[in-house]
Amino acid sequence: MSLDTAHPDPQPGRLAAREVRRRLQHERASRLAQLTAFADAGHDPGDALVAAQKASIDRVLKDITAAVERLDQGGYGVCQVCGRPIPLERLEILPYARCCVGCQRRTA
């Protein structure tokens, strides 16, 4: 899988940068909506489950921001551990993935 930033209509097996950016923006908006829903629900601040969920959402938001930075710098879609391309299927499911599945399993 590679990112096609030069062609408006990418070849099979490639993602257009504008499509990646759209997906990342959608992911960010979804996570921010989740945080807003937590705030609006008025959960007990001491609720450990809610705190863990908020922390998880915050981590994903940081991952999304990092993915946008990789996109801007030309490193999007490359595993940060082994340096190989992250498969297109993984990026379609998790557009902010920083690692290929194998490396993710080894680092988890």
PDB file of N, CA and C in Angstrom:
ATOM      1  N   MET A   1       0.847  -1.168   0.000  1.00  0.00           N
ATOM      2  CA  MET A   1       0.000   0.000   0.000  1.00  0.00           C
ATOM      3  C   MET A   1       0.881   1.216   0.000  1.00  0.00           C
ATOM      4  N   SER A   2       0.502   2.192  -0.750  1.00  0.00           N
ATOM      5  CA  SER A   2       1.211   3.455  -0.696  1.00  0.00           C
ATOM      6  C   SER A   2       0.204   4.572  -0.849  1.00  0.00           C
ATOM      7  N   LEU A   3       0.658   5.740  -0.540  1.00  0.00           N
ATOM      8  CA  LEU A   3      -0.185   6.912  -0.623  1.00  0.00           C
ATOM      9  C   LEU A   3       0.125   7.625  -1.921  1.00  0.00           C
ATOM     10  N   ASP A   4      -0.892   7.924  -2.669  1.00  0.00           N
ATOM     11  CA  ASP A   4      -0.709   8.609  -3.931  1.00  0.00           C
ATOM     12  C   ASP A   4      -1.040  10.081  -3.750  1.00  0.00           C
ATOM     13  N   THR A   5      -0.007  10.904  -3.649  1.00  0.00           N
ATOM     14  CA  THR A   5      -0.232  12.332  -3.470  1.00  0.00           C
ATOM     15  C   THR A   5      -0.101  13.084  -4.792  1.00  0.00           C
ATOM     16  N   ALA A   6       0.383  12.415  -5.838  1.00  0.00           N
ATOM     17  CA  ALA A   6       0.621  13.097  -7.103  1.00  0.00           C
ATOM     18  C   ALA A   6      -0.572  13.039  -8.048  1.00  0.00           C
ATOM     19  N   HIS A   7      -1.378  12.006  -7.962  1.00  0.00           N
ATOM     20  CA  HIS A   7      -2.475  11.820  -8.905  1.00  0.00           C
ATOM     21  C   HIS A   7      -3.819  12.009  -8.229  1.00  0.00           C
ATOM     22  N   PRO A   8      -4.719  12.773  -8.875  1.00  0.00           N
ATOM     23  CA  PRO A   8      -6.026  12.978  -8.265  1.00  0.00           C
ATOM     24  C   PRO A   8      -6.845  11.694  -8.178  1.00  0.00           C
ATOM     25  N   ASP A   9      -6.694  10.787  -9.117  1.00  0.00           N
ATOM     26  CA  ASP A   9      -7.386   9.501  -9.102  1.00  0.00           C
ATOM     27  C   ASP A   9      -6.345   8.417  -8.899  1.00  0.00           C
ATOM     28  N   PRO A  10      -6.226   7.912  -7.677  1.00  0.00           N
ATOM     29  CA  PRO A  10      -5.165   6.951  -7.387  1.00  0.00           C
ATOM     30  C   PRO A  10      -5.376   5.631  -8.110  1.00  0.00           C
ATOM     31  N   GLN A  11      -4.290   4.945  -8.294  1.00  0.00           N
ATOM     32  CA  GLN A  11      -4.325   3.616  -8.880  1.00  0.00           C
ATOM     33  C   GLN A  11      -4.818   2.635  -7.833  1.00  0.00           C
ATOM     34  N   PRO A  12      -5.255   1.441  -8.267  1.00  0.00           N
ATOM     35  CA  PRO A  12      -5.662   0.433  -7.277  1.00  0.00           C
ATOM     36  C   PRO A  12      -4.525   0.175  -6.284  1.00  0.00           C
ATOM     37  N   GLY A  13      -4.875   0.004  -5.016  1.00  0.00           N
ATOM     38  CA  GLY A  13      -3.864  -0.233  -3.991  1.00  0.00           C
ATOM     39  C   GLY A  13      -3.270   1.032  -3.415  1.00  0.00           C
ATOM     40  N   ARG A  14      -3.819   2.174  -3.791  1.00  0.00           N
ATOM     41  CA  ARG A  14      -3.323   3.454  -3.286  1.00  0.00           C
ATOM     42  C   ARG A  14      -4.481   4.275  -2.739  1.00  0.00           C
ATOM     43  N   LEU A  15      -4.182   5.115  -1.796  1.00  0.00           N
ATOM     44  CA  LEU A  15      -5.159   6.053  -1.262  1.00  0.00           C
ATOM     45  C   LEU A  15      -4.749   7.462  -1.666  1.00  0.00           C
ATOM     46  N   ALA A  16      -5.712   8.261  -2.071  1.00  0.00           N
ATOM     47  CA  ALA A  16      -5.430   9.661  -2.375  1.00  0.00           C
ATOM     48  C   ALA A  16      -5.292  10.418  -1.062  1.00  0.00           C
ATOM     49  N   ALA A  17      -4.380  11.363  -1.016  1.00  0.00           N
ATOM     50  CA  ALA A  17      -4.139  12.141   0.207  1.00  0.00           C
ATOM     51  C   ALA A  17      -5.413  12.829   0.674  1.00  0.00           C
ATOM     52  N   ARG A  18      -6.201  13.344  -0.254  1.00  0.00           N
ATOM     53  CA  ARG A  18      -7.429  14.037   0.159  1.00  0.00           C
ATOM     54  C   ARG A  18      -8.422  13.076   0.802  1.00  0.00           C
ATOM     55  N   GLU A  19      -8.459  11.808   0.347  1.00  0.00           N
ATOM     56  CA  GLU A  19      -9.340  10.803   0.938  1.00  0.00           C
ATOM     57  C   GLU A  19      -8.850  10.445   2.344  1.00  0.00           C
ATOM     58  N   VAL A  20      -7.561  10.310   2.501  1.00  0.00           N
ATOM     59  CA  VAL A  20      -6.993  10.019   3.822  1.00  0.00           C
ATOM     60  C   VAL A  20      -7.332  11.156   4.783  1.00  0.00           C
ATOM     61  N   ARG A  21      -7.129  12.371   4.332  1.00  0.00           N
ATOM     62  CA  ARG A  21      -7.414  13.535   5.176  1.00  0.00           C
ATOM     63  C   ARG A  21      -8.896  13.564   5.553  1.00  0.00           C
ATOM     64  N   ARG A  22      -9.782  13.251   4.619  1.00  0.00           N
ATOM     65  CA  ARG A  22     -11.217  13.219   4.894  1.00  0.00           C
ATOM     66  C   ARG A  22     -11.539  12.163   5.951  1.00  0.00           C
ATOM     67  N   ARG A  23     -10.934  11.000   5.828  1.00  0.00           N
ATOM     68  CA  ARG A  23     -11.166   9.924   6.803  1.00  0.00           C
ATOM     69  C   ARG A  23     -10.660  10.311   8.187  1.00  0.00           C
ATOM     70  N   LEU A  24      -9.505  10.931   8.233  1.00  0.00           N
ATOM     71  CA  LEU A  24      -8.954  11.346   9.520  1.00  0.00           C
ATOM     72  C   LEU A  24      -9.814  12.444  10.155  1.00  0.00           C
ATOM     73  N   GLN A  25     -10.305  13.363   9.352  1.00  0.00           N
ATOM     74  CA  GLN A  25     -11.191  14.407   9.876  1.00  0.00           C
ATOM     75  C   GLN A  25     -12.481  13.793  10.420  1.00  0.00           C
ATOM     76  N   HIS A  26     -12.996  12.789   9.722  1.00  0.00           N
ATOM     77  CA  HIS A  26     -14.203  12.104  10.186  1.00  0.00           C
ATOM     78  C   HIS A  26     -13.943  11.410  11.528  1.00  0.00           C
ATOM     79  N   GLU A  27     -12.809  10.727  11.632  1.00  0.00           N
ATOM     80  CA  GLU A  27     -12.452  10.052  12.882  1.00  0.00           C
ATOM     81  C   GLU A  27     -12.331  11.065  14.024  1.00  0.00           C
ATOM     82  N   ARG A  28     -11.689  12.196  13.754  1.00  0.00           N
ATOM     83  CA  ARG A  28     -11.531  13.233  14.785  1.00  0.00           C
ATOM     84  C   ARG A  28     -12.895  13.760  15.221  1.00  0.00           C
ATOM     85  N   ALA A  29     -13.762  14.060  14.266  1.00  0.00           N
ATOM     86  CA  ALA A  29     -15.091  14.583  14.590  1.00  0.00           C
ATOM     87  C   ALA A  29     -15.893  13.574  15.417  1.00  0.00           C
ATOM     88  N   SER A  30     -15.769  12.300  15.093  1.00  0.00           N
ATOM     89  CA  SER A  30     -16.478  11.263  15.842  1.00  0.00           C
ATOM     90  C   SER A  30     -16.003  11.209  17.285  1.00  0.00           C
ATOM     91  N   ARG A  31     -14.690  11.278  17.491  1.00  0.00           N
ATOM     92  CA  ARG A  31     -14.147  11.212  18.844  1.00  0.00           C
ATOM     93  C   ARG A  31     -14.506  12.458  19.653  1.00  0.00           C
ATOM     94  N   LEU A  32     -14.476  13.614  18.998  1.00  0.00           N
ATOM     95  CA  LEU A  32     -14.856  14.838  19.697  1.00  0.00           C
ATOM     96  C   LEU A  32     -16.339  14.808  20.078  1.00  0.00           C
ATOM     97  N   ALA A  33     -17.164  14.233  19.226  1.00  0.00           N
ATOM     98  CA  ALA A  33     -18.591  14.083  19.546  1.00  0.00           C
ATOM     99  C   ALA A  33     -18.772  13.156  20.746  1.00  0.00           C
ATOM    100  N   GLN A  34     -17.958  12.120  20.833  1.00  0.00           N
ATOM    101  CA  GLN A  34     -18.031  11.223  21.987  1.00  0.00           C
ATOM    102  C   GLN A  34     -17.676  11.968  23.270  1.00  0.00           C
ATOM    103  N   LEU A  35     -16.625  12.771  23.231  1.00  0.00           N
ATOM    104  CA  LEU A  35     -16.243  13.543  24.414  1.00  0.00           C
ATOM    105  C   LEU A  35     -17.343  14.528  24.809  1.00  0.00           C
ATOM    106  N   THR A  36     -17.972  15.149  23.821  1.00  0.00           N
ATOM    107  CA  THR A  36     -19.071  16.067  24.094  1.00  0.00           C
ATOM    108  C   THR A  36     -20.242  15.330  24.737  1.00  0.00           C
ATOM    109  N   ALA A  37     -20.530  14.135  24.247  1.00  0.00           N
ATOM    110  CA  ALA A  37     -21.617  13.336  24.819  1.00  0.00           C
ATOM    111  C   ALA A  37     -21.328  12.989  26.274  1.00  0.00           C
ATOM    112  N   PHE A  38     -20.086  12.660  26.586  1.00  0.00           N
ATOM    113  CA  PHE A  38     -19.717  12.393  27.981  1.00  0.00           C
ATOM    114  C   PHE A  38     -19.958  13.630  28.841  1.00  0.00           C
ATOM    115  N   ALA A  39     -19.531  14.772  28.342  1.00  0.00           N
ATOM    116  CA  ALA A  39     -19.681  16.013  29.100  1.00  0.00           C
ATOM    117  C   ALA A  39     -21.161  16.349  29.299  1.00  0.00           C
ATOM    118  N   ASP A  40     -21.953  16.166  28.253  1.00  0.00           N
ATOM    119  CA  ASP A  40     -23.379  16.482  28.326  1.00  0.00           C
ATOM    120  C   ASP A  40     -24.148  15.525  29.233  1.00  0.00           C
ATOM    121  N   ALA A  41     -23.665  14.309  29.371  1.00  0.00           N
ATOM    122  CA  ALA A  41     -24.356  13.302  30.175  1.00  0.00           C
ATOM    123  C   ALA A  41     -24.178  13.553  31.674  1.00  0.00           C
ATOM    124  N   GLY A  42     -23.220  14.363  32.038  1.00  0.00           N
ATOM    125  CA  GLY A  42     -23.023  14.696  33.442  1.00  0.00           C
ATOM    126  C   GLY A  42     -22.592  13.516  34.292  1.00  0.00           C
ATOM    127  N   HIS A  43     -21.696  12.694  33.773  1.00  0.00           N
ATOM    128  CA  HIS A  43     -21.194  11.545  34.530  1.00  0.00           C
ATOM    129  C   HIS A  43     -20.426  11.993  35.764  1.00  0.00           C
ATOM    130  N   ASP A  44     -20.424  11.133  36.756  1.00  0.00           N
ATOM    131  CA  ASP A  44     -19.654  11.363  37.981  1.00  0.00           C
ATOM    132  C   ASP A  44     -18.176  11.409  37.613  1.00  0.00           C
ATOM    133  N   PRO A  45     -17.470  12.493  37.940  1.00  0.00           N
ATOM    134  CA  PRO A  45     -16.055  12.605  37.584  1.00  0.00           C
ATOM    135  C   PRO A  45     -15.197  11.491  38.183  1.00  0.00           C
ATOM    136  N   GLY A  46     -15.670  10.841  39.227  1.00  0.00           N
ATOM    137  CA  GLY A  46     -14.911   9.765  39.848  1.00  0.00           C
ATOM    138  C   GLY A  46     -15.195   8.408  39.249  1.00  0.00           C
ATOM    139  N   ASP A  47     -16.069   8.342  38.253  1.00  0.00           N
ATOM    140  CA  ASP A  47     -16.416   7.073  37.604  1.00  0.00           C
ATOM    141  C   ASP A  47     -15.205   6.559  36.825  1.00  0.00           C
ATOM    142  N   ALA A  48     -14.633   5.450  37.281  1.00  0.00           N
ATOM    143  CA  ALA A  48     -13.411   4.904  36.674  1.00  0.00           C
ATOM    144  C   ALA A  48     -13.624   4.472  35.227  1.00  0.00           C
ATOM    145  N   LEU A  49     -14.795   3.906  34.920  1.00  0.00           N
ATOM    146  CA  LEU A  49     -15.069   3.464  33.552  1.00  0.00           C
ATOM    147  C   LEU A  49     -15.116   4.656  32.597  1.00  0.00           C
ATOM    148  N   VAL A  50     -15.801   5.699  33.003  1.00  0.00           N
ATOM    149  CA  VAL A  50     -15.890   6.897  32.165  1.00  0.00           C
ATOM    150  C   VAL A  50     -14.504   7.521  31.999  1.00  0.00           C
ATOM    151  N   ALA A  51     -13.732   7.563  33.065  1.00  0.00           N
ATOM    152  CA  ALA A  51     -12.370   8.113  32.984  1.00  0.00           C
ATOM    153  C   ALA A  51     -11.517   7.309  32.011  1.00  0.00           C
ATOM    154  N   ALA A  52     -11.648   5.990  32.052  1.00  0.00           N
ATOM    155  CA  ALA A  52     -10.883   5.138  31.133  1.00  0.00           C
ATOM    156  C   ALA A  52     -11.332   5.354  29.685  1.00  0.00           C
ATOM    157  N   GLN A  53     -12.625   5.511  29.488  1.00  0.00           N
ATOM    158  CA  GLN A  53     -13.126   5.752  28.128  1.00  0.00           C
ATOM    159  C   GLN A  53     -12.628   7.093  27.598  1.00  0.00           C
ATOM    160  N   LYS A  54     -12.662   8.117  28.439  1.00  0.00           N
ATOM    161  CA  LYS A  54     -12.160   9.427  28.021  1.00  0.00           C
ATOM    162  C   LYS A  54     -10.669   9.365  27.704  1.00  0.00           C
ATOM    163  N   ALA A  55      -9.913   8.650  28.517  1.00  0.00           N
ATOM    164  CA  ALA A  55      -8.477   8.516  28.273  1.00  0.00           C
ATOM    165  C   ALA A  55      -8.212   7.808  26.952  1.00  0.00           C
ATOM    166  N   SER A  56      -9.007   6.792  26.657  1.00  0.00           N
ATOM    167  CA  SER A  56      -8.871   6.073  25.389  1.00  0.00           C
ATOM    168  C   SER A  56      -9.170   6.994  24.203  1.00  0.00           C
ATOM    169  N   ILE A  57     -10.221   7.779  24.321  1.00  0.00           N
ATOM    170  CA  ILE A  57     -10.574   8.720  23.251  1.00  0.00           C
ATOM    171  C   ILE A  57      -9.465   9.750  23.082  1.00  0.00           C
ATOM    172  N   ASP A  58      -8.907  10.240  24.180  1.00  0.00           N
ATOM    173  CA  ASP A  58      -7.799  11.199  24.099  1.00  0.00           C
ATOM    174  C   ASP A  58      -6.597  10.601  23.383  1.00  0.00           C
ATOM    175  N   ARG A  59      -6.295   9.315  23.659  1.00  0.00           N
ATOM    176  CA  ARG A  59      -5.176   8.641  22.975  1.00  0.00           C
ATOM    177  C   ARG A  59      -5.433   8.557  21.474  1.00  0.00           C
ATOM    178  N   VAL A  60      -6.658   8.223  21.104  1.00  0.00           N
ATOM    179  CA  VAL A  60      -6.998   8.129  19.675  1.00  0.00           C
ATOM    180  C   VAL A  60      -6.888   9.503  19.021  1.00  0.00           C
ATOM    181  N   LEU A  61      -7.334  10.546  19.700  1.00  0.00           N
ATOM    182  CA  LEU A  61      -7.202  11.895  19.135  1.00  0.00           C
ATOM    183  C   LEU A  61      -5.737  12.255  18.902  1.00  0.00           C
ATOM    184  N   LYS A  62      -4.859  11.861  19.814  1.00  0.00           N
ATOM    185  CA  LYS A  62      -3.424  12.098  19.618  1.00  0.00           C
ATOM    186  C   LYS A  62      -2.900  11.287  18.430  1.00  0.00           C
ATOM    187  N   ASP A  63      -3.381  10.045  18.289  1.00  0.00           N
ATOM    188  CA  ASP A  63      -2.976   9.214  17.152  1.00  0.00           C
ATOM    189  C   ASP A  63      -3.443   9.824  15.833  1.00  0.00           C
ATOM    190  N   ILE A  64      -4.638  10.394  15.834  1.00  0.00           N
ATOM    191  CA  ILE A  64      -5.169  11.035  14.625  1.00  0.00           C
ATOM    192  C   ILE A  64      -4.330  12.251  14.271  1.00  0.00           C
ATOM    193  N   THR A  65      -3.993  13.059  15.268  1.00  0.00           N
ATOM    194  CA  THR A  65      -3.146  14.231  15.026  1.00  0.00           C
ATOM    195  C   THR A  65      -1.791  13.809  14.467  1.00  0.00           C
ATOM    196  N   ALA A  66      -1.222  12.750  15.024  1.00  0.00           N
ATOM    197  CA  ALA A  66       0.066  12.245  14.539  1.00  0.00           C
ATOM    198  C   ALA A  66      -0.062  11.736  13.104  1.00  0.00           C
ATOM    199  N   ALA A  67      -1.183  11.101  12.773  1.00  0.00           N
ATOM    200  CA  ALA A  67      -1.393  10.597  11.415  1.00  0.00           C
ATOM    201  C   ALA A  67      -1.483  11.755  10.422  1.00  0.00           C
ATOM    202  N   VAL A  68      -2.139  12.843  10.814  1.00  0.00           N
ATOM    203  CA  VAL A  68      -2.218  14.024   9.945  1.00  0.00           C
ATOM    204  C   VAL A  68      -0.815  14.595   9.726  1.00  0.00           C
ATOM    205  N   GLU A  69      -0.012  14.619  10.770  1.00  0.00           N
ATOM    206  CA  GLU A  69       1.367  15.103  10.637  1.00  0.00           C
ATOM    207  C   GLU A  69       2.164  14.207   9.692  1.00  0.00           C
ATOM    208  N   ARG A  70       1.991  12.875   9.811  1.00  0.00           N
ATOM    209  CA  ARG A  70       2.683  11.956   8.896  1.00  0.00           C
ATOM    210  C   ARG A  70       2.223  12.178   7.464  1.00  0.00           C
ATOM    211  N   LEU A  71       0.931  12.435   7.290  1.00  0.00           N
ATOM    212  CA  LEU A  71       0.393  12.708   5.956  1.00  0.00           C
ATOM    213  C   LEU A  71       1.038  13.960   5.377  1.00  0.00           C
ATOM    214  N   ASP A  72       1.123  15.014   6.182  1.00  0.00           N
ATOM    215  CA  ASP A  72       1.724  16.274   5.733  1.00  0.00           C
ATOM    216  C   ASP A  72       3.211  16.133   5.425  1.00  0.00           C
ATOM    217  N   GLN A  73       3.896  15.229   6.152  1.00  0.00           N
ATOM    218  CA  GLN A  73       5.342  15.074   5.992  1.00  0.00           C
ATOM    219  C   GLN A  73       5.724  13.958   5.020  1.00  0.00           C
ATOM    220  N   GLY A  74       4.727  13.239   4.485  1.00  0.00           N
ATOM    221  CA  GLY A  74       5.004  12.198   3.511  1.00  0.00           C
ATOM    222  C   GLY A  74       5.277  10.823   4.090  1.00  0.00           C
ATOM    223  N   GLY A  75       5.047  10.641   5.389  1.00  0.00           N
ATOM    224  CA  GLY A  75       5.320   9.343   6.006  1.00  0.00           C
ATOM    225  C   GLY A  75       4.080   8.532   6.323  1.00  0.00           C
ATOM    226  N   TYR A  76       2.929   8.993   5.872  1.00  0.00           N
ATOM    227  CA  TYR A  76       1.678   8.279   6.157  1.00  0.00           C
ATOM    228  C   TYR A  76       1.674   6.931   5.435  1.00  0.00           C
ATOM    229  N   GLY A  77       1.188   5.905   6.135  1.00  0.00           N
ATOM    230  CA  GLY A  77       1.066   4.589   5.530  1.00  0.00           C
ATOM    231  C   GLY A  77       2.308   3.731   5.641  1.00  0.00           C
ATOM    232  N   VAL A  78       3.306   4.221   6.364  1.00  0.00           N
ATOM    233  CA  VAL A  78       4.547   3.479   6.560  1.00  0.00           C
ATOM    234  C   VAL A  78       4.630   3.101   8.041  1.00  0.00           C
ATOM    235  N   CYS A  79       4.876   1.826   8.316  1.00  0.00           N
ATOM    236  CA  CYS A  79       4.980   1.347   9.694  1.00  0.00           C
ATOM    237  C   CYS A  79       6.127   2.073  10.393  1.00  0.00           C
ATOM    238  N   GLN A  80       5.845   2.615  11.562  1.00  0.00           N
ATOM    239  CA  GLN A  80       6.862   3.352  12.312  1.00  0.00           C
ATOM    240  C   GLN A  80       7.847   2.443  13.023  1.00  0.00           C
ATOM    241  N   VAL A  81       7.586   1.140  13.011  1.00  0.00           N
ATOM    242  CA  VAL A  81       8.496   0.196  13.655  1.00  0.00           C
ATOM    243  C   VAL A  81       9.417  -0.450  12.623  1.00  0.00           C
ATOM    244  N   CYS A  82       8.834  -1.078  11.600  1.00  0.00           N
ATOM    245  CA  CYS A  82       9.642  -1.824  10.636  1.00  0.00           C
ATOM    246  C   CYS A  82       9.916  -1.062   9.341  1.00  0.00           C
ATOM    247  N   GLY A  83       9.183   0.032   9.104  1.00  0.00           N
ATOM    248  CA  GLY A  83       9.422   0.845   7.915  1.00  0.00           C
ATOM    249  C   GLY A  83       8.773   0.331   6.643  1.00  0.00           C
ATOM    250  N   ARG A  84       8.019  -0.756   6.737  1.00  0.00           N
ATOM    251  CA  ARG A  84       7.331  -1.278   5.549  1.00  0.00           C
ATOM    252  C   ARG A  84       5.965  -0.614   5.405  1.00  0.00           C
ATOM    253  N   PRO A  85       5.399  -0.665   4.195  1.00  0.00           N
ATOM    254  CA  PRO A  85       4.062  -0.093   3.998  1.00  0.00           C
ATOM    255  C   PRO A  85       3.017  -0.820   4.848  1.00  0.00           C
ATOM    256  N   ILE A  86       2.104  -0.046   5.426  1.00  0.00           N
ATOM    257  CA  ILE A  86       0.970  -0.603   6.157  1.00  0.00           C
ATOM    258  C   ILE A  86      -0.065  -1.001   5.114  1.00  0.00           C
ATOM    259  N   PRO A  87      -0.585  -2.227   5.173  1.00  0.00           N
ATOM    260  CA  PRO A  87      -1.554  -2.659   4.158  1.00  0.00           C
ATOM    261  C   PRO A  87      -2.766  -1.728   4.070  1.00  0.00           C
ATOM    262  N   LEU A  88      -3.227  -1.523   2.859  1.00  0.00           N
ATOM    263  CA  LEU A  88      -4.367  -0.661   2.583  1.00  0.00           C
ATOM    264  C   LEU A  88      -5.581  -1.057   3.414  1.00  0.00           C
ATOM    265  N   GLU A  89      -5.824  -2.358   3.544  1.00  0.00           N
ATOM    266  CA  GLU A  89      -6.982  -2.829   4.309  1.00  0.00           C
ATOM    267  C   GLU A  89      -6.927  -2.333   5.752  1.00  0.00           C
ATOM    268  N   ARG A  90      -5.753  -2.335   6.348  1.00  0.00           N
ATOM    269  CA  ARG A  90      -5.604  -1.857   7.736  1.00  0.00           C
ATOM    270  C   ARG A  90      -5.889  -0.362   7.808  1.00  0.00           C
ATOM    271  N   LEU A  91      -5.380   0.399   6.855  1.00  0.00           N
ATOM    272  CA  LEU A  91      -5.586   1.843   6.865  1.00  0.00           C
ATOM    273  C   LEU A  91      -7.037   2.211   6.575  1.00  0.00           C
ATOM    274  N   GLU A  92      -7.735   1.373   5.829  1.00  0.00           N
ATOM    275  CA  GLU A  92      -9.151   1.638   5.589  1.00  0.00           C
ATOM    276  C   GLU A  92      -9.952   1.460   6.880  1.00  0.00           C
ATOM    277  N   ILE A  93      -9.568   0.489   7.689  1.00  0.00           N
ATOM    278  CA  ILE A  93     -10.255   0.226   8.950  1.00  0.00           C
ATOM    279  C   ILE A  93      -9.799   1.196  10.038  1.00  0.00           C
ATOM    280  N   LEU A  94      -8.502   1.440  10.093  1.00  0.00           N
ATOM    281  CA  LEU A  94      -7.909   2.266  11.137  1.00  0.00           C
ATOM    282  C   LEU A  94      -6.994   3.305  10.471  1.00  0.00           C
ATOM    283  N   PRO A  95      -7.576   4.392   9.952  1.00  0.00           N
ATOM    284  CA  PRO A  95      -6.773   5.332   9.161  1.00  0.00           C
ATOM    285  C   PRO A  95      -5.651   6.015   9.929  1.00  0.00           C
ATOM    286  N   TYR A  96      -5.661   5.930  11.236  1.00  0.00           N
ATOM    287  CA  TYR A  96      -4.603   6.543  12.036  1.00  0.00           C
ATOM    288  C   TYR A  96      -3.589   5.508  12.531  1.00  0.00           C
ATOM    289  N   ALA A  97      -3.617   4.302  11.953  1.00  0.00           N
ATOM    290  CA  ALA A  97      -2.667   3.261  12.359  1.00  0.00           C
ATOM    291  C   ALA A  97      -1.237   3.750  12.154  1.00  0.00           C
ATOM    292  N   ARG A  98      -0.399   3.462  13.133  1.00  0.00           N
ATOM    293  CA  ARG A  98       1.007   3.862  13.026  1.00  0.00           C
ATOM    294  C   ARG A  98       1.911   2.678  12.720  1.00  0.00           C
ATOM    295  N   CYS A  99       1.352   1.460  12.884  1.00  0.00           N
ATOM    296  CA  CYS A  99       2.142   0.249  12.687  1.00  0.00           C
ATOM    297  C   CYS A  99       1.372  -0.764  11.851  1.00  0.00           C
ATOM    298  N   CYS A 100       2.111  -1.652  11.224  1.00  0.00           N
ATOM    299  CA  CYS A 100       1.477  -2.801  10.578  1.00  0.00           C
ATOM    300  C   CYS A 100       0.977  -3.745  11.684  1.00  0.00           C
ATOM    301  N   VAL A 101       0.142  -4.704  11.329  1.00  0.00           N
ATOM    302  CA  VAL A 101      -0.445  -5.597  12.330  1.00  0.00           C
ATOM    303  C   VAL A 101       0.634  -6.371  13.087  1.00  0.00           C
ATOM    304  N   GLY A 102       1.619  -6.900  12.370  1.00  0.00           N
ATOM    305  CA  GLY A 102       2.676  -7.680  13.021  1.00  0.00           C
ATOM    306  C   GLY A 102       3.427  -6.891  14.064  1.00  0.00           C
ATOM    307  N   CYS A 103       3.811  -5.684  13.729  1.00  0.00           N
ATOM    308  CA  CYS A 103       4.538  -4.838  14.687  1.00  0.00           C
ATOM    309  C   CYS A 103       3.637  -4.409  15.833  1.00  0.00           C
ATOM    310  N   GLN A 104       2.379  -4.146  15.550  1.00  0.00           N
ATOM    311  CA  GLN A 104       1.430  -3.774  16.611  1.00  0.00           C
ATOM    312  C   GLN A 104       1.303  -4.893  17.626  1.00  0.00           C
ATOM    313  N   ARG A 105       1.220  -6.124  17.133  1.00  0.00           N
ATOM    314  CA  ARG A 105       1.122  -7.275  18.051  1.00  0.00           C
ATOM    315  C   ARG A 105       2.365  -7.410  18.918  1.00  0.00           C
ATOM    316  N   ARG A 106       3.521  -7.161  18.330  1.00  0.00           N
ATOM    317  CA  ARG A 106       4.771  -7.305  19.087  1.00  0.00           C
ATOM    318  C   ARG A 106       4.956  -6.192  20.114  1.00  0.00           C
ATOM    319  N   THR A 107       4.388  -5.015  19.845  1.00  0.00           N
ATOM    320  CA  THR A 107       4.560  -3.889  20.770  1.00  0.00           C
ATOM    321  C   THR A 107       3.435  -3.759  21.781  1.00  0.00           C
ATOM    322  N   ALA A 108       2.345  -4.509  21.575  1.00  0.00           N
ATOM    323  CA  ALA A 108       1.187  -4.396  22.486  1.00  0.00           C
ATOM    324  C   ALA A 108       1.400  -5.129  23.788  1.00  0.00           C
TER     325      ALA A 108
END
